[in-house]
Amino acid sequence: MENREEIMNQDDVLSSVHQYELERDEERVFINVREPLGGSPKGSFIAVPSLISKECSNTDYVGLGDSVEEALNDCLKRIKGISLSQAIPQGWLI
């Protein structure tokens, strides 16, 4: 297994995000719960409601693999050393 600390920037924080969908009346909202996994310690679980999902549209930064771990590691390698605004279209960062 590859050491993720070696393929991340020094001050990066890696989190697992659990997504939930809440439907109420005629409305729908996503709630993303952040679980820190590695990198610089930045707190504990955080739940954030959001109305839309924003993803990277540039395939140069999309990680691929035969497992969740391989895809995640490939993505981390592709975005290491670049600003997130380079990987995510302007106006899409939260």
C-alpha atoms as a PDB file:
ATOM      1  CA  MET A   1       0.000   0.000   0.000  1.00  0.00           C
ATOM      2  CA  GLU A   2       1.299   3.448  -0.953  1.00  0.00           C
ATOM      3  CA  ASN A   3       1.937   6.006   1.807  1.00  0.00           C
ATOM      4  CA  ARG A   4      -0.495   8.863   1.094  1.00  0.00           C
ATOM      5  CA  GLU A   5       1.619  11.345   3.056  1.00  0.00           C
ATOM      6  CA  GLU A   6       4.246  11.016   0.292  1.00  0.00           C
ATOM      7  CA  ILE A   7       1.802  11.888  -2.507  1.00  0.00           C
ATOM      8  CA  MET A   8       0.159  14.844  -0.725  1.00  0.00           C
ATOM      9  CA  ASN A   9       1.408  18.376  -0.159  1.00  0.00           C
ATOM     10  CA  GLN A  10       2.783  19.021   3.330  1.00  0.00           C
ATOM     11  CA  ASP A  11      -0.198  21.005   4.661  1.00  0.00           C
ATOM     12  CA  ASP A  12      -2.915  18.981   2.903  1.00  0.00           C
ATOM     13  CA  VAL A  13      -5.719  17.404   4.907  1.00  0.00           C
ATOM     14  CA  LEU A  14      -7.398  14.305   3.470  1.00  0.00           C
ATOM     15  CA  SER A  15     -10.982  13.598   4.479  1.00  0.00           C
ATOM     16  CA  SER A  16     -13.598  11.031   3.684  1.00  0.00           C
ATOM     17  CA  VAL A  17     -16.910  12.668   2.788  1.00  0.00           C
ATOM     18  CA  HIS A  18     -20.151  10.875   3.475  1.00  0.00           C
ATOM     19  CA  GLN A  19     -23.040  12.313   1.505  1.00  0.00           C
ATOM     20  CA  TYR A  20     -26.657  12.249   2.598  1.00  0.00           C
ATOM     21  CA  GLU A  21     -29.728  13.518   0.809  1.00  0.00           C
ATOM     22  CA  LEU A  22     -32.592  15.061   2.754  1.00  0.00           C
ATOM     23  CA  GLU A  23     -35.990  15.496   1.096  1.00  0.00           C
ATOM     24  CA  ARG A  24     -38.478  17.754   2.805  1.00  0.00           C
ATOM     25  CA  ASP A  25     -41.767  18.754   1.201  1.00  0.00           C
ATOM     26  CA  GLU A  26     -40.849  19.713  -2.385  1.00  0.00           C
ATOM     27  CA  GLU A  27     -37.181  20.517  -1.610  1.00  0.00           C
ATOM     28  CA  ARG A  28     -33.977  18.516  -1.526  1.00  0.00           C
ATOM     29  CA  VAL A  29     -30.618  19.244   0.082  1.00  0.00           C
ATOM     30  CA  PHE A  30     -27.357  17.309   0.325  1.00  0.00           C
ATOM     31  CA  ILE A  31     -25.507  17.076   3.626  1.00  0.00           C
ATOM     32  CA  ASN A  32     -21.808  16.251   3.345  1.00  0.00           C
ATOM     33  CA  VAL A  33     -20.111  14.946   6.473  1.00  0.00           C
ATOM     34  CA  ARG A  34     -16.314  15.354   6.495  1.00  0.00           C
ATOM     35  CA  GLU A  35     -14.225  12.733   8.324  1.00  0.00           C
ATOM     36  CA  PRO A  36     -10.508  13.610   8.582  1.00  0.00           C
ATOM     37  CA  LEU A  37      -8.283  10.686   7.541  1.00  0.00           C
ATOM     38  CA  GLY A  38      -4.772  12.080   7.238  1.00  0.00           C
ATOM     39  CA  GLY A  39      -2.510  15.045   6.799  1.00  0.00           C
ATOM     40  CA  SER A  40      -2.363  18.067   9.061  1.00  0.00           C
ATOM     41  CA  PRO A  41      -4.841  17.804  11.943  1.00  0.00           C
ATOM     42  CA  LYS A  42      -7.638  20.295  11.279  1.00  0.00           C
ATOM     43  CA  GLY A  43     -10.459  19.205  13.591  1.00  0.00           C
ATOM     44  CA  SER A  44     -13.077  16.533  13.649  1.00  0.00           C
ATOM     45  CA  PHE A  45     -16.281  15.650  11.808  1.00  0.00           C
ATOM     46  CA  ILE A  46     -18.091  18.529  10.080  1.00  0.00           C
ATOM     47  CA  ALA A  47     -21.517  18.320   8.404  1.00  0.00           C
ATOM     48  CA  VAL A  48     -22.273  20.916   5.710  1.00  0.00           C
ATOM     49  CA  PRO A  49     -25.575  21.273   3.854  1.00  0.00           C
ATOM     50  CA  SER A  50     -25.335  22.141   0.170  1.00  0.00           C
ATOM     51  CA  LEU A  51     -27.802  22.677  -2.622  1.00  0.00           C
ATOM     52  CA  ILE A  52     -25.618  21.575  -5.519  1.00  0.00           C
ATOM     53  CA  SER A  53     -22.715  19.260  -6.141  1.00  0.00           C
ATOM     54  CA  LYS A  54     -19.606  20.706  -7.780  1.00  0.00           C
ATOM     55  CA  GLU A  55     -17.061  18.464  -9.420  1.00  0.00           C
ATOM     56  CA  CYS A  56     -13.940  18.746 -11.470  1.00  0.00           C
ATOM     57  CA  SER A  57     -14.694  18.718 -15.200  1.00  0.00           C
ATOM     58  CA  ASN A  58     -11.056  18.533 -16.410  1.00  0.00           C
ATOM     59  CA  THR A  59     -10.196  14.863 -16.907  1.00  0.00           C
ATOM     60  CA  ASP A  60      -6.479  15.635 -16.415  1.00  0.00           C
ATOM     61  CA  TYR A  61      -7.192  15.716 -12.672  1.00  0.00           C
ATOM     62  CA  VAL A  62      -9.643  12.793 -12.385  1.00  0.00           C
ATOM     63  CA  GLY A  63      -8.119   9.785 -10.650  1.00  0.00           C
ATOM     64  CA  LEU A  64      -8.700   6.281 -12.009  1.00  0.00           C
ATOM     65  CA  GLY A  65      -8.151   2.848 -10.533  1.00  0.00           C
ATOM     66  CA  ASP A  66      -9.541  -0.616  -9.927  1.00  0.00           C
ATOM     67  CA  SER A  67     -10.454   0.292  -6.346  1.00  0.00           C
ATOM     68  CA  VAL A  68     -11.433   3.323  -4.314  1.00  0.00           C
ATOM     69  CA  GLU A  69      -7.894   3.475  -2.930  1.00  0.00           C
ATOM     70  CA  GLU A  70      -6.228   3.333  -6.367  1.00  0.00           C
ATOM     71  CA  ALA A  71      -8.534   6.006  -7.806  1.00  0.00           C
ATOM     72  CA  LEU A  72      -7.986   8.265  -4.789  1.00  0.00           C
ATOM     73  CA  ASN A  73      -4.201   7.849  -4.904  1.00  0.00           C
ATOM     74  CA  ASP A  74      -4.146   8.534  -8.663  1.00  0.00           C
ATOM     75  CA  CYS A  75      -6.199  11.701  -8.167  1.00  0.00           C
ATOM     76  CA  LEU A  76      -3.924  12.892  -5.325  1.00  0.00           C
ATOM     77  CA  LYS A  77      -0.873  12.393  -7.550  1.00  0.00           C
ATOM     78  CA  ARG A  78      -2.487  14.372 -10.387  1.00  0.00           C
ATOM     79  CA  ILE A  79      -3.382  17.377  -8.198  1.00  0.00           C
ATOM     80  CA  LYS A  80      -0.238  17.442  -6.050  1.00  0.00           C
ATOM     81  CA  GLY A  81       1.553  20.762  -6.344  1.00  0.00           C
ATOM     82  CA  ILE A  82      -1.227  22.647  -8.151  1.00  0.00           C
ATOM     83  CA  SER A  83      -3.813  25.025  -6.732  1.00  0.00           C
ATOM     84  CA  LEU A  84      -7.333  23.661  -6.405  1.00  0.00           C
ATOM     85  CA  SER A  85      -8.574  26.556  -8.543  1.00  0.00           C
ATOM     86  CA  GLN A  86      -6.529  25.055 -11.389  1.00  0.00           C
ATOM     87  CA  ALA A  87      -8.309  21.688 -11.070  1.00  0.00           C
ATOM     88  CA  ILE A  88     -11.806  23.075 -10.435  1.00  0.00           C
ATOM     89  CA  PRO A  89     -13.281  25.702 -12.797  1.00  0.00           C
ATOM     90  CA  GLN A  90     -13.280  29.250 -11.404  1.00  0.00           C
ATOM     91  CA  GLY A  91     -16.326  30.065  -9.308  1.00  0.00           C
ATOM     92  CA  TRP A  92     -16.836  26.395  -8.417  1.00  0.00           C
ATOM     93  CA  LEU A  93     -14.729  26.218  -5.251  1.00  0.00           C
ATOM     94  CA  ILE A  94     -16.744  26.291  -2.070  1.00  0.00           C
END
